[in-house]
């Protein structure tokens, strides 16, 4: 069975984060760092700072939307001040 993940990557140079979902986070990170993603290309290099796994794609997408819409979560991710799973 496939696992689906939400992931957060950070550009330290530009102090930006990007939140996405994928079934293969490692290859997706490489894709971001090779400049093949229009929205992240100008802010390379990226590094993985957070990920969560889900059995169902719909659950991963729901969690991705939740994180993207929460200013508090985004702020904690950007500062990397979270410890354990982010709520």
PDB file of N, CA and C in Angstrom:
ATOM      1  N   UNK A   1       0.840  -1.180   0.000  1.00  0.00           N
ATOM      2  CA  UNK A   1       0.000   0.000   0.000  1.00  0.00           C
ATOM      3  C   UNK A   1       0.884   1.242   0.000  1.00  0.00           C
ATOM      4  N   UNK A   2       0.487   2.213  -0.795  1.00  0.00           N
ATOM      5  CA  UNK A   2       1.241   3.472  -0.864  1.00  0.00           C
ATOM      6  C   UNK A   2       1.059   4.279   0.406  1.00  0.00           C
ATOM      7  N   UNK A   3       2.095   5.023   0.740  1.00  0.00           N
ATOM      8  CA  UNK A   3       1.948   5.993   1.812  1.00  0.00           C
ATOM      9  C   UNK A   3       2.042   7.370   1.180  1.00  0.00           C
ATOM     10  N   UNK A   4       1.330   8.280   1.753  1.00  0.00           N
ATOM     11  CA  UNK A   4       1.334   9.648   1.267  1.00  0.00           C
ATOM     12  C   UNK A   4       1.858  10.534   2.380  1.00  0.00           C
ATOM     13  N   UNK A   5       2.644  11.512   2.017  1.00  0.00           N
ATOM     14  CA  UNK A   5       3.262  12.377   3.017  1.00  0.00           C
ATOM     15  C   UNK A   5       2.994  13.837   2.701  1.00  0.00           C
ATOM     16  N   UNK A   6       2.901  14.618   3.766  1.00  0.00           N
ATOM     17  CA  UNK A   6       3.009  16.057   3.608  1.00  0.00           C
ATOM     18  C   UNK A   6       4.444  16.369   4.015  1.00  0.00           C
ATOM     19  N   UNK A   7       5.001  17.363   3.383  1.00  0.00           N
ATOM     20  CA  UNK A   7       6.385  17.717   3.694  1.00  0.00           C
ATOM     21  C   UNK A   7       6.529  19.219   3.724  1.00  0.00           C
ATOM     22  N   UNK A   8       7.512  19.664   4.463  1.00  0.00           N
ATOM     23  CA  UNK A   8       7.829  21.088   4.521  1.00  0.00           C
ATOM     24  C   UNK A   8       9.314  21.208   4.220  1.00  0.00           C
ATOM     25  N   UNK A   9       9.632  22.045   3.246  1.00  0.00           N
ATOM     26  CA  UNK A   9      11.027  22.305   2.913  1.00  0.00           C
ATOM     27  C   UNK A   9      11.314  23.771   3.193  1.00  0.00           C
ATOM     28  N   UNK A  10      12.571  24.057   3.441  1.00  0.00           N
ATOM     29  CA  UNK A  10      12.959  25.427   3.790  1.00  0.00           C
ATOM     30  C   UNK A  10      14.155  25.864   2.961  1.00  0.00           C
ATOM     31  N   UNK A  11      14.106  27.121   2.541  1.00  0.00           N
ATOM     32  CA  UNK A  11      15.235  27.770   1.897  1.00  0.00           C
ATOM     33  C   UNK A  11      15.867  28.676   2.951  1.00  0.00           C
ATOM     34  N   UNK A  12      17.011  28.278   3.465  1.00  0.00           N
ATOM     35  CA  UNK A  12      17.677  29.067   4.499  1.00  0.00           C
ATOM     36  C   UNK A  12      18.172  30.408   3.961  1.00  0.00           C
ATOM     37  N   UNK A  13      18.605  30.426   2.723  1.00  0.00           N
ATOM     38  CA  UNK A  13      19.128  31.649   2.121  1.00  0.00           C
ATOM     39  C   UNK A  13      18.051  32.726   2.047  1.00  0.00           C
ATOM     40  N   UNK A  14      16.834  32.317   1.682  1.00  0.00           N
ATOM     41  CA  UNK A  14      15.748  33.273   1.490  1.00  0.00           C
ATOM     42  C   UNK A  14      14.724  33.256   2.631  1.00  0.00           C
ATOM     43  N   UNK A  15      14.947  32.414   3.637  1.00  0.00           N
ATOM     44  CA  UNK A  15      14.054  32.269   4.790  1.00  0.00           C
ATOM     45  C   UNK A  15      12.605  32.047   4.364  1.00  0.00           C
ATOM     46  N   UNK A  16      12.406  31.082   3.470  1.00  0.00           N
ATOM     47  CA  UNK A  16      11.077  30.738   2.968  1.00  0.00           C
ATOM     48  C   UNK A  16      10.815  29.273   3.249  1.00  0.00           C
ATOM     49  N   UNK A  17       9.519  28.936   3.376  1.00  0.00           N
ATOM     50  CA  UNK A  17       9.138  27.535   3.477  1.00  0.00           C
ATOM     51  C   UNK A  17       8.164  27.207   2.357  1.00  0.00           C
ATOM     52  N   UNK A  18       8.086  25.934   2.029  1.00  0.00           N
ATOM     53  CA  UNK A  18       7.148  25.430   1.032  1.00  0.00           C
ATOM     54  C   UNK A  18       6.513  24.184   1.618  1.00  0.00           C
ATOM     55  N   UNK A  19       5.197  24.089   1.536  1.00  0.00           N
ATOM     56  CA  UNK A  19       4.457  22.958   2.075  1.00  0.00           C
ATOM     57  C   UNK A  19       3.826  22.218   0.905  1.00  0.00           C
ATOM     58  N   UNK A  20       4.053  20.919   0.842  1.00  0.00           N
ATOM     59  CA  UNK A  20       3.505  20.124  -0.245  1.00  0.00           C
ATOM     60  C   UNK A  20       3.195  18.721   0.192  1.00  0.00           C
ATOM     61  N   UNK A  21       2.733  17.904  -0.752  1.00  0.00           N
ATOM     62  CA  UNK A  21       2.463  16.492  -0.464  1.00  0.00           C
ATOM     63  C   UNK A  21       2.971  15.641  -1.620  1.00  0.00           C
ATOM     64  N   UNK A  22       3.338  14.409  -1.292  1.00  0.00           N
ATOM     65  CA  UNK A  22       3.906  13.516  -2.297  1.00  0.00           C
ATOM     66  C   UNK A  22       3.916  12.093  -1.759  1.00  0.00           C
ATOM     67  N   UNK A  23       3.973  11.126  -2.656  1.00  0.00           N
ATOM     68  CA  UNK A  23       4.137   9.736  -2.230  1.00  0.00           C
ATOM     69  C   UNK A  23       5.623   9.371  -2.162  1.00  0.00           C
ATOM     70  N   UNK A  24       6.488  10.253  -2.653  1.00  0.00           N
ATOM     71  CA  UNK A  24       7.939  10.025  -2.605  1.00  0.00           C
ATOM     72  C   UNK A  24       8.640  11.354  -2.298  1.00  0.00           C
ATOM     73  N   UNK A  25       8.814  11.639  -1.027  1.00  0.00           N
ATOM     74  CA  UNK A  25       9.343  12.930  -0.596  1.00  0.00           C
ATOM     75  C   UNK A  25      10.782  13.141  -1.061  1.00  0.00           C
ATOM     76  N   UNK A  26      11.600  12.100  -1.019  1.00  0.00           N
ATOM     77  CA  UNK A  26      13.004  12.253  -1.430  1.00  0.00           C
ATOM     78  C   UNK A  26      13.130  12.687  -2.885  1.00  0.00           C
ATOM     79  N   UNK A  27      12.392  12.034  -3.771  1.00  0.00           N
ATOM     80  CA  UNK A  27      12.485  12.427  -5.184  1.00  0.00           C
ATOM     81  C   UNK A  27      11.842  13.794  -5.414  1.00  0.00           C
ATOM     82  N   UNK A  28      10.818  14.122  -4.641  1.00  0.00           N
ATOM     83  CA  UNK A  28      10.184  15.434  -4.772  1.00  0.00           C
ATOM     84  C   UNK A  28      11.140  16.545  -4.341  1.00  0.00           C
ATOM     85  N   UNK A  29      11.908  16.315  -3.279  1.00  0.00           N
ATOM     86  CA  UNK A  29      12.898  17.295  -2.833  1.00  0.00           C
ATOM     87  C   UNK A  29      13.960  17.508  -3.913  1.00  0.00           C
ATOM     88  N   UNK A  30      14.404  16.430  -4.526  1.00  0.00           N
ATOM     89  CA  UNK A  30      15.373  16.555  -5.626  1.00  0.00           C
ATOM     90  C   UNK A  30      14.779  17.361  -6.776  1.00  0.00           C
ATOM     91  N   UNK A  31      13.511  17.135  -7.052  1.00  0.00           N
ATOM     92  CA  UNK A  31      12.809  17.866  -8.109  1.00  0.00           C
ATOM     93  C   UNK A  31      12.801  19.359  -7.816  1.00  0.00           C
ATOM     94  N   UNK A  32      12.526  19.729  -6.557  1.00  0.00           N
ATOM     95  CA  UNK A  32      12.551  21.139  -6.154  1.00  0.00           C
ATOM     96  C   UNK A  32      13.957  21.715  -6.329  1.00  0.00           C
ATOM     97  N   UNK A  33      14.966  20.971  -5.914  1.00  0.00           N
ATOM     98  CA  UNK A  33      16.338  21.479  -5.943  1.00  0.00           C
ATOM     99  C   UNK A  33      16.963  21.523  -7.334  1.00  0.00           C
ATOM    100  N   UNK A  34      16.378  20.838  -8.305  1.00  0.00           N
ATOM    101  CA  UNK A  34      16.886  20.925  -9.674  1.00  0.00           C
ATOM    102  C   UNK A  34      16.235  22.070 -10.449  1.00  0.00           C
ATOM    103  N   UNK A  35      15.291  22.768  -9.813  1.00  0.00           N
ATOM    104  CA  UNK A  35      14.667  23.918 -10.452  1.00  0.00           C
ATOM    105  C   UNK A  35      13.507  23.573 -11.360  1.00  0.00           C
ATOM    106  N   UNK A  36      12.940  22.385 -11.223  1.00  0.00           N
ATOM    107  CA  UNK A  36      11.841  21.967 -12.091  1.00  0.00           C
ATOM    108  C   UNK A  36      10.464  22.377 -11.576  1.00  0.00           C
ATOM    109  N   UNK A  37      10.416  22.991 -10.397  1.00  0.00           N
ATOM    110  CA  UNK A  37       9.151  23.480  -9.851  1.00  0.00           C
ATOM    111  C   UNK A  37       9.191  25.005  -9.930  1.00  0.00           C
ATOM    112  N   UNK A  38       8.300  25.575 -10.714  1.00  0.00           N
ATOM    113  CA  UNK A  38       8.304  27.012 -10.994  1.00  0.00           C
ATOM    114  C   UNK A  38       8.297  27.851  -9.718  1.00  0.00           C
ATOM    115  N   UNK A  39       7.435  27.488  -8.759  1.00  0.00           N
ATOM    116  CA  UNK A  39       7.273  28.330  -7.568  1.00  0.00           C
ATOM    117  C   UNK A  39       8.446  28.262  -6.599  1.00  0.00           C
ATOM    118  N   UNK A  40       9.274  27.226  -6.691  1.00  0.00           N
ATOM    119  CA  UNK A  40      10.399  27.104  -5.747  1.00  0.00           C
ATOM    120  C   UNK A  40      11.758  27.331  -6.401  1.00  0.00           C
ATOM    121  N   UNK A  41      11.786  27.402  -7.710  1.00  0.00           N
ATOM    122  CA  UNK A  41      13.051  27.535  -8.438  1.00  0.00           C
ATOM    123  C   UNK A  41      13.926  28.696  -7.977  1.00  0.00           C
ATOM    124  N   UNK A  42      13.366  29.916  -7.770  1.00  0.00           N
ATOM    125  CA  UNK A  42      14.235  31.047  -7.407  1.00  0.00           C
ATOM    126  C   UNK A  42      14.822  30.981  -5.999  1.00  0.00           C
ATOM    127  N   UNK A  43      14.353  30.066  -5.176  1.00  0.00           N
ATOM    128  CA  UNK A  43      14.740  30.062  -3.761  1.00  0.00           C
ATOM    129  C   UNK A  43      15.616  28.871  -3.378  1.00  0.00           C
ATOM    130  N   UNK A  44      16.182  28.207  -4.352  1.00  0.00           N
ATOM    131  CA  UNK A  44      17.036  27.043  -4.073  1.00  0.00           C
ATOM    132  C   UNK A  44      18.303  27.453  -3.344  1.00  0.00           C
ATOM    133  N   UNK A  45      18.910  26.589  -2.569  1.00  0.00           N
ATOM    134  CA  UNK A  45      18.576  25.183  -2.312  1.00  0.00           C
ATOM    135  C   UNK A  45      17.543  25.045  -1.190  1.00  0.00           C
ATOM    136  N   UNK A  46      16.850  23.906  -1.204  1.00  0.00           N
ATOM    137  CA  UNK A  46      15.843  23.558  -0.221  1.00  0.00           C
ATOM    138  C   UNK A  46      16.327  22.385   0.615  1.00  0.00           C
ATOM    139  N   UNK A  47      15.856  22.339   1.874  1.00  0.00           N
ATOM    140  CA  UNK A  47      16.131  21.172   2.714  1.00  0.00           C
ATOM    141  C   UNK A  47      14.845  20.780   3.420  1.00  0.00           C
ATOM    142  N   UNK A  48      14.678  19.514   3.642  1.00  0.00           N
ATOM    143  CA  UNK A  48      13.499  18.979   4.305  1.00  0.00           C
ATOM    144  C   UNK A  48      13.577  19.289   5.797  1.00  0.00           C
ATOM    145  N   UNK A  49      12.520  19.921   6.333  1.00  0.00           N
ATOM    146  CA  UNK A  49      12.522  20.218   7.761  1.00  0.00           C
ATOM    147  C   UNK A  49      11.409  19.494   8.512  1.00  0.00           C
ATOM    148  N   UNK A  50      10.404  18.953   7.785  1.00  0.00           N
ATOM    149  CA  UNK A  50       9.297  18.298   8.465  1.00  0.00           C
ATOM    150  C   UNK A  50       8.535  17.419   7.490  1.00  0.00           C
ATOM    151  N   UNK A  51       8.008  16.286   7.993  1.00  0.00           N
ATOM    152  CA  UNK A  51       7.113  15.471   7.192  1.00  0.00           C
ATOM    153  C   UNK A  51       6.220  14.631   8.084  1.00  0.00           C
ATOM    154  N   UNK A  52       5.048  14.296   7.569  1.00  0.00           N
ATOM    155  CA  UNK A  52       4.092  13.419   8.232  1.00  0.00           C
ATOM    156  C   UNK A  52       3.594  12.425   7.189  1.00  0.00           C
ATOM    157  N   UNK A  53       3.358  11.182   7.600  1.00  0.00           N
ATOM    158  CA  UNK A  53       2.882  10.145   6.689  1.00  0.00           C
ATOM    159  C   UNK A  53       1.428   9.790   6.966  1.00  0.00           C
ATOM    160  N   UNK A  54       0.721   9.423   5.902  1.00  0.00           N
ATOM    161  CA  UNK A  54      -0.688   9.046   5.981  1.00  0.00           C
ATOM    162  C   UNK A  54      -0.927   7.839   5.087  1.00  0.00           C
ATOM    163  N   UNK A  55      -1.885   7.006   5.473  1.00  0.00           N
ATOM    164  CA  UNK A  55      -2.233   5.841   4.662  1.00  0.00           C
ATOM    165  C   UNK A  55      -3.047   6.263   3.440  1.00  0.00           C
ATOM    166  N   UNK A  56      -3.859   7.298   3.587  1.00  0.00           N
ATOM    167  CA  UNK A  56      -4.728   7.735   2.501  1.00  0.00           C
ATOM    168  C   UNK A  56      -4.324   9.118   1.978  1.00  0.00           C
ATOM    169  N   UNK A  57      -4.369   9.248   0.668  1.00  0.00           N
ATOM    170  CA  UNK A  57      -4.013  10.516   0.037  1.00  0.00           C
ATOM    171  C   UNK A  57      -4.929  11.641   0.500  1.00  0.00           C
ATOM    172  N   UNK A  58      -6.217  11.355   0.648  1.00  0.00           N
ATOM    173  CA  UNK A  58      -7.160  12.402   1.060  1.00  0.00           C
ATOM    174  C   UNK A  58      -6.816  12.956   2.438  1.00  0.00           C
ATOM    175  N   UNK A  59      -6.303  12.111   3.341  1.00  0.00           N
ATOM    176  CA  UNK A  59      -5.908  12.578   4.670  1.00  0.00           C
ATOM    177  C   UNK A  59      -4.669  13.478   4.592  1.00  0.00           C
ATOM    178  N   UNK A  60      -3.741  13.124   3.712  1.00  0.00           N
ATOM    179  CA  UNK A  60      -2.539  13.945   3.528  1.00  0.00           C
ATOM    180  C   UNK A  60      -2.914  15.318   2.965  1.00  0.00           C
ATOM    181  N   UNK A  61      -3.812  15.341   1.986  1.00  0.00           N
ATOM    182  CA  UNK A  61      -4.225  16.612   1.389  1.00  0.00           C
ATOM    183  C   UNK A  61      -4.993  17.477   2.384  1.00  0.00           C
ATOM    184  N   UNK A  62      -5.796  16.838   3.230  1.00  0.00           N
ATOM    185  CA  UNK A  62      -6.521  17.579   4.268  1.00  0.00           C
ATOM    186  C   UNK A  62      -5.536  18.225   5.247  1.00  0.00           C
ATOM    187  N   UNK A  63      -4.514  17.459   5.646  1.00  0.00           N
ATOM    188  CA  UNK A  63      -3.512  17.976   6.576  1.00  0.00           C
ATOM    189  C   UNK A  63      -2.687  19.096   5.925  1.00  0.00           C
ATOM    190  N   UNK A  64      -2.373  18.934   4.650  1.00  0.00           N
ATOM    191  CA  UNK A  64      -1.635  19.972   3.929  1.00  0.00           C
ATOM    192  C   UNK A  64      -2.409  21.291   3.935  1.00  0.00           C
ATOM    193  N   UNK A  65      -3.710  21.221   3.652  1.00  0.00           N
ATOM    194  CA  UNK A  65      -4.544  22.427   3.675  1.00  0.00           C
ATOM    195  C   UNK A  65      -4.596  23.041   5.069  1.00  0.00           C
ATOM    196  N   UNK A  66      -4.654  22.191   6.095  1.00  0.00           N
ATOM    197  CA  UNK A  66      -4.700  22.678   7.473  1.00  0.00           C
ATOM    198  C   UNK A  66      -3.430  23.456   7.812  1.00  0.00           C
ATOM    199  N   UNK A  67      -2.291  22.892   7.459  1.00  0.00           N
ATOM    200  CA  UNK A  67      -1.011  23.551   7.749  1.00  0.00           C
ATOM    201  C   UNK A  67      -0.885  24.856   6.970  1.00  0.00           C
ATOM    202  N   UNK A  68      -1.264  24.831   5.700  1.00  0.00           N
ATOM    203  CA  UNK A  68      -1.155  26.031   4.872  1.00  0.00           C
ATOM    204  C   UNK A  68      -2.047  27.162   5.373  1.00  0.00           C
ATOM    205  N   UNK A  69      -3.169  26.824   5.985  1.00  0.00           N
ATOM    206  CA  UNK A  69      -4.107  27.861   6.418  1.00  0.00           C
ATOM    207  C   UNK A  69      -3.845  28.372   7.834  1.00  0.00           C
ATOM    208  N   UNK A  70      -2.934  27.738   8.561  1.00  0.00           N
ATOM    209  CA  UNK A  70      -2.656  28.147   9.937  1.00  0.00           C
ATOM    210  C   UNK A  70      -1.396  29.006  10.014  1.00  0.00           C
ATOM    211  N   UNK A  71      -1.589  30.263  10.336  1.00  0.00           N
ATOM    212  CA  UNK A  71      -0.446  31.160  10.487  1.00  0.00           C
ATOM    213  C   UNK A  71       0.480  30.737  11.616  1.00  0.00           C
ATOM    214  N   UNK A  72      -0.085  30.214  12.710  1.00  0.00           N
ATOM    215  CA  UNK A  72       0.732  29.787  13.844  1.00  0.00           C
ATOM    216  C   UNK A  72       1.638  28.613  13.473  1.00  0.00           C
ATOM    217  N   UNK A  73       1.080  27.652  12.751  1.00  0.00           N
ATOM    218  CA  UNK A  73       1.887  26.495  12.337  1.00  0.00           C
ATOM    219  C   UNK A  73       2.971  26.943  11.366  1.00  0.00           C
ATOM    220  N   UNK A  74       2.617  27.761  10.405  1.00  0.00           N
ATOM    221  CA  UNK A  74       3.603  28.248   9.425  1.00  0.00           C
ATOM    222  C   UNK A  74       4.732  29.005  10.125  1.00  0.00           C
ATOM    223  N   UNK A  75       4.376  29.825  11.116  1.00  0.00           N
ATOM    224  CA  UNK A  75       5.374  30.595  11.853  1.00  0.00           C
ATOM    225  C   UNK A  75       6.321  29.667  12.620  1.00  0.00           C
ATOM    226  N   UNK A  76       5.768  28.641  13.277  1.00  0.00           N
ATOM    227  CA  UNK A  76       6.589  27.684  14.022  1.00  0.00           C
ATOM    228  C   UNK A  76       7.502  26.907  13.076  1.00  0.00           C
ATOM    229  N   UNK A  77       6.990  26.538  11.904  1.00  0.00           N
ATOM    230  CA  UNK A  77       7.807  25.830  10.928  1.00  0.00           C
ATOM    231  C   UNK A  77       8.942  26.713  10.419  1.00  0.00           C
ATOM    232  N   UNK A  78       8.638  27.948  10.131  1.00  0.00           N
ATOM    233  CA  UNK A  78       9.649  28.853   9.599  1.00  0.00           C
ATOM    234  C   UNK A  78      10.776  29.083  10.601  1.00  0.00           C
ATOM    235  N   UNK A  79      10.407  29.188  11.882  1.00  0.00           N
ATOM    236  CA  UNK A  79      11.407  29.396  12.931  1.00  0.00           C
ATOM    237  C   UNK A  79      12.000  28.080  13.431  1.00  0.00           C
ATOM    238  N   UNK A  80      11.408  26.965  13.006  1.00  0.00           N
ATOM    239  CA  UNK A  80      11.817  25.628  13.457  1.00  0.00           C
ATOM    240  C   UNK A  80      11.804  25.544  14.983  1.00  0.00           C
ATOM    241  N   UNK A  81      10.720  26.033  15.575  1.00  0.00           N
ATOM    242  CA  UNK A  81      10.585  26.028  17.028  1.00  0.00           C
ATOM    243  C   UNK A  81       9.633  24.941  17.526  1.00  0.00           C
ATOM    244  N   UNK A  82       9.264  24.005  16.682  1.00  0.00           N
ATOM    245  CA  UNK A  82       8.366  22.924  17.079  1.00  0.00           C
ATOM    246  C   UNK A  82       9.180  21.749  17.591  1.00  0.00           C
ATOM    247  N   UNK A  83       8.563  20.980  18.436  1.00  0.00           N
ATOM    248  CA  UNK A  83       9.205  19.778  18.981  1.00  0.00           C
ATOM    249  C   UNK A  83       8.189  18.644  18.857  1.00  0.00           C
ATOM    250  N   UNK A  84       8.443  17.716  17.991  1.00  0.00           N
ATOM    251  CA  UNK A  84       7.486  16.634  17.761  1.00  0.00           C
ATOM    252  C   UNK A  84       6.436  17.062  16.738  1.00  0.00           C
ATOM    253  N   UNK A  85       5.349  16.315  16.678  1.00  0.00           N
ATOM    254  CA  UNK A  85       4.308  16.622  15.689  1.00  0.00           C
ATOM    255  C   UNK A  85       3.714  18.007  15.909  1.00  0.00           C
ATOM    256  N   UNK A  86       3.497  18.711  14.825  1.00  0.00           N
ATOM    257  CA  UNK A  86       2.904  20.036  14.927  1.00  0.00           C
ATOM    258  C   UNK A  86       1.394  19.881  14.974  1.00  0.00           C
ATOM    259  N   UNK A  87       0.756  20.706  15.740  1.00  0.00           N
ATOM    260  CA  UNK A  87      -0.702  20.602  15.921  1.00  0.00           C
ATOM    261  C   UNK A  87      -1.389  21.711  15.173  1.00  0.00           C
TER     262      UNK A  87
END
